[in-house]
Structure formats: structure tokens, C-alpha cells
């Protein structure tokens, strides 16, 4: 069950679903449980975030 929840949380993060929404979908009572235990951010999502940051700083 934990693997399925981790996969779901990680996919939601990669899809830019707001963390509070992910928390509600996973039925966690505490935000930290969702973010610190279940959510793993992919390298692709990290690269995309850094690209966005770079573009924002170019302005």
C-alpha cells in the first residue's frame, strides 16, 4: 500500500498538483506526512523548476 501511495504522491507532484490537494487525495491528516514521507520529486520536475526559475531571473 505504501508504494502505491508514494507513486500517487510523486505523480501528483510531477503534475504540479497543489500539495494540499495531494494531501486530501491521499487522505493524510498532516501535510508533513504527504510531503516528507510519500512525495518524491523526479529529476525531470526538478530540471523544469530550475528552467522556470532561470527564465524568471532573466527578466
N, C-alpha and C. Protein backbone atom coordinates (compact mmCIF):
# COMPACT_ATOMS: atom_id res chain seq x y z
N UNK A 1 0.83 -1.20 0.00
CA UNK A 1 0.00 0.00 0.00
C UNK A 1 0.87 1.27 0.00
N UNK A 2 1.95 1.24 0.75
CA UNK A 2 2.80 2.43 0.83
C UNK A 2 3.41 2.77 -0.52
N UNK A 3 3.81 1.76 -1.28
CA UNK A 3 4.39 2.01 -2.61
C UNK A 3 3.39 2.68 -3.53
N UNK A 4 2.13 2.26 -3.48
CA UNK A 4 1.09 2.87 -4.31
C UNK A 4 0.86 4.32 -3.91
N UNK A 5 0.88 4.59 -2.63
CA UNK A 5 0.70 5.97 -2.16
C UNK A 5 1.88 6.84 -2.56
N UNK A 6 3.09 6.29 -2.46
CA UNK A 6 4.29 7.05 -2.84
C UNK A 6 4.26 7.35 -4.34
N UNK A 7 3.85 6.37 -5.14
CA UNK A 7 3.75 6.58 -6.58
C UNK A 7 2.71 7.65 -6.89
N UNK A 8 1.55 7.56 -6.25
CA UNK A 8 0.49 8.55 -6.47
C UNK A 8 0.95 9.95 -6.07
N UNK A 9 1.55 10.06 -4.89
CA UNK A 9 2.02 11.37 -4.42
C UNK A 9 3.07 11.95 -5.35
N UNK A 10 3.98 11.12 -5.82
CA UNK A 10 5.03 11.59 -6.71
C UNK A 10 4.49 12.00 -8.07
N UNK A 11 3.54 11.24 -8.59
CA UNK A 11 2.91 11.62 -9.87
C UNK A 11 2.15 12.93 -9.74
N UNK A 12 1.44 13.11 -8.64
CA UNK A 12 0.71 14.37 -8.42
C UNK A 12 1.69 15.55 -8.35
N UNK A 13 2.83 15.34 -7.71
CA UNK A 13 3.84 16.41 -7.63
C UNK A 13 4.36 16.74 -9.02
N UNK A 14 4.64 15.72 -9.83
CA UNK A 14 5.14 15.95 -11.19
C UNK A 14 4.09 16.64 -12.07
N UNK A 15 2.82 16.46 -11.73
CA UNK A 15 1.74 17.10 -12.48
C UNK A 15 1.41 18.49 -11.95
N UNK A 16 2.23 18.97 -11.01
CA UNK A 16 2.04 20.30 -10.39
C UNK A 16 0.72 20.43 -9.66
N UNK A 17 0.23 19.33 -9.11
CA UNK A 17 -0.97 19.39 -8.27
C UNK A 17 -0.56 20.02 -6.95
N UNK A 18 -1.34 20.97 -6.48
CA UNK A 18 -1.02 21.65 -5.23
C UNK A 18 -0.86 20.62 -4.10
N UNK A 19 0.17 20.76 -3.28
CA UNK A 19 0.42 19.78 -2.21
C UNK A 19 -0.77 19.56 -1.28
N UNK A 20 -1.54 20.59 -1.01
CA UNK A 20 -2.72 20.42 -0.14
C UNK A 20 -3.77 19.53 -0.81
N UNK A 21 -3.88 19.62 -2.12
CA UNK A 21 -4.81 18.77 -2.86
C UNK A 21 -4.32 17.33 -2.80
N UNK A 22 -3.02 17.13 -2.99
CA UNK A 22 -2.44 15.79 -2.89
C UNK A 22 -2.68 15.21 -1.50
N UNK A 23 -2.53 16.02 -0.49
CA UNK A 23 -2.77 15.59 0.89
C UNK A 23 -4.21 15.10 1.05
N UNK A 24 -5.13 15.81 0.45
CA UNK A 24 -6.53 15.43 0.54
C UNK A 24 -6.81 14.14 -0.23
N UNK A 25 -6.22 14.01 -1.41
CA UNK A 25 -6.41 12.79 -2.21
C UNK A 25 -5.87 11.57 -1.47
N UNK A 26 -4.71 11.73 -0.85
CA UNK A 26 -4.08 10.62 -0.12
C UNK A 26 -4.68 10.41 1.26
N UNK A 27 -5.55 11.31 1.67
CA UNK A 27 -6.26 11.24 2.95
C UNK A 27 -5.31 11.27 4.14
N UNK A 28 -4.31 12.16 4.04
CA UNK A 28 -3.39 12.36 5.15
C UNK A 28 -3.91 13.47 6.03
N UNK A 29 -3.76 13.31 7.33
CA UNK A 29 -4.20 14.33 8.28
C UNK A 29 -3.15 15.42 8.44
N UNK A 30 -1.90 15.10 8.12
CA UNK A 30 -0.82 16.06 8.30
C UNK A 30 -0.09 16.29 6.99
N UNK A 31 0.14 17.55 6.69
CA UNK A 31 0.85 17.95 5.47
C UNK A 31 2.23 17.32 5.40
N UNK A 32 2.92 17.27 6.52
CA UNK A 32 4.29 16.73 6.56
C UNK A 32 4.33 15.26 6.12
N UNK A 33 3.31 14.51 6.44
CA UNK A 33 3.27 13.10 6.04
C UNK A 33 3.30 13.02 4.51
N UNK A 34 2.48 13.82 3.87
CA UNK A 34 2.41 13.81 2.40
C UNK A 34 3.74 14.23 1.79
N UNK A 35 4.29 15.33 2.28
CA UNK A 35 5.46 15.91 1.64
C UNK A 35 6.78 15.24 2.02
N UNK A 36 6.93 14.84 3.26
CA UNK A 36 8.22 14.33 3.72
C UNK A 36 8.37 12.82 3.57
N UNK A 37 7.27 12.10 3.63
CA UNK A 37 7.35 10.64 3.58
C UNK A 37 6.97 10.08 2.22
N UNK A 38 5.91 10.61 1.62
CA UNK A 38 5.37 9.99 0.42
C UNK A 38 5.78 10.63 -0.90
N UNK A 39 6.10 11.90 -0.92
CA UNK A 39 6.37 12.58 -2.18
C UNK A 39 7.86 12.55 -2.52
N UNK A 40 8.14 12.03 -3.71
CA UNK A 40 9.50 12.03 -4.26
C UNK A 40 9.43 12.82 -5.57
N UNK A 41 10.23 13.86 -5.67
CA UNK A 41 10.19 14.70 -6.85
C UNK A 41 11.18 14.15 -7.87
N UNK A 42 10.72 14.01 -9.09
CA UNK A 42 11.58 13.46 -10.14
C UNK A 42 12.65 14.46 -10.58
N UNK A 43 13.68 13.92 -11.20
CA UNK A 43 14.74 14.78 -11.74
C UNK A 43 14.20 15.69 -12.83
N UNK A 44 13.26 15.16 -13.63
CA UNK A 44 12.67 15.97 -14.71
C UNK A 44 11.91 17.15 -14.12
N UNK A 45 11.17 16.94 -13.05
CA UNK A 45 10.43 18.03 -12.42
C UNK A 45 11.39 19.06 -11.83
N UNK A 46 12.48 18.58 -11.26
CA UNK A 46 13.48 19.49 -10.70
C UNK A 46 14.11 20.34 -11.80
N UNK A 47 14.47 19.71 -12.91
CA UNK A 47 15.05 20.46 -14.04
C UNK A 47 14.07 21.50 -14.57
N UNK A 48 12.81 21.12 -14.68
CA UNK A 48 11.78 22.04 -15.18
C UNK A 48 11.63 23.24 -14.25
N UNK A 49 11.65 22.99 -12.96
CA UNK A 49 11.55 24.08 -11.99
C UNK A 49 12.74 25.03 -12.10
N UNK A 50 13.93 24.47 -12.30
CA UNK A 50 15.12 25.30 -12.45
C UNK A 50 15.08 26.11 -13.74
N UNK A 51 14.53 25.54 -14.81
CA UNK A 51 14.36 26.30 -16.06
C UNK A 51 13.42 27.47 -15.84
N UNK A 52 12.31 27.22 -15.14
CA UNK A 52 11.34 28.29 -14.86
C UNK A 52 11.99 29.39 -14.04
N UNK A 53 12.78 29.00 -13.05
CA UNK A 53 13.47 29.96 -12.20
C UNK A 53 14.45 30.79 -13.04
N UNK A 54 15.19 30.12 -13.91
CA UNK A 54 16.14 30.83 -14.77
C UNK A 54 15.45 31.84 -15.67
N UNK A 55 14.32 31.47 -16.24
CA UNK A 55 13.57 32.39 -17.08
C UNK A 55 13.05 33.58 -16.29
N UNK A 56 12.60 33.31 -15.08
CA UNK A 56 12.09 34.40 -14.24
C UNK A 56 13.20 35.38 -13.86
N UNK A 57 14.38 34.87 -13.67
CA UNK A 57 15.51 35.73 -13.27
C UNK A 57 16.08 36.52 -14.45
N UNK A 58 15.79 36.10 -15.67
CA UNK A 58 16.28 36.82 -16.86
C UNK A 58 15.55 38.14 -17.08
N UNK A 59 14.42 38.29 -16.49
CA UNK A 59 13.60 39.48 -16.73
C UNK A 59 14.18 40.71 -16.14
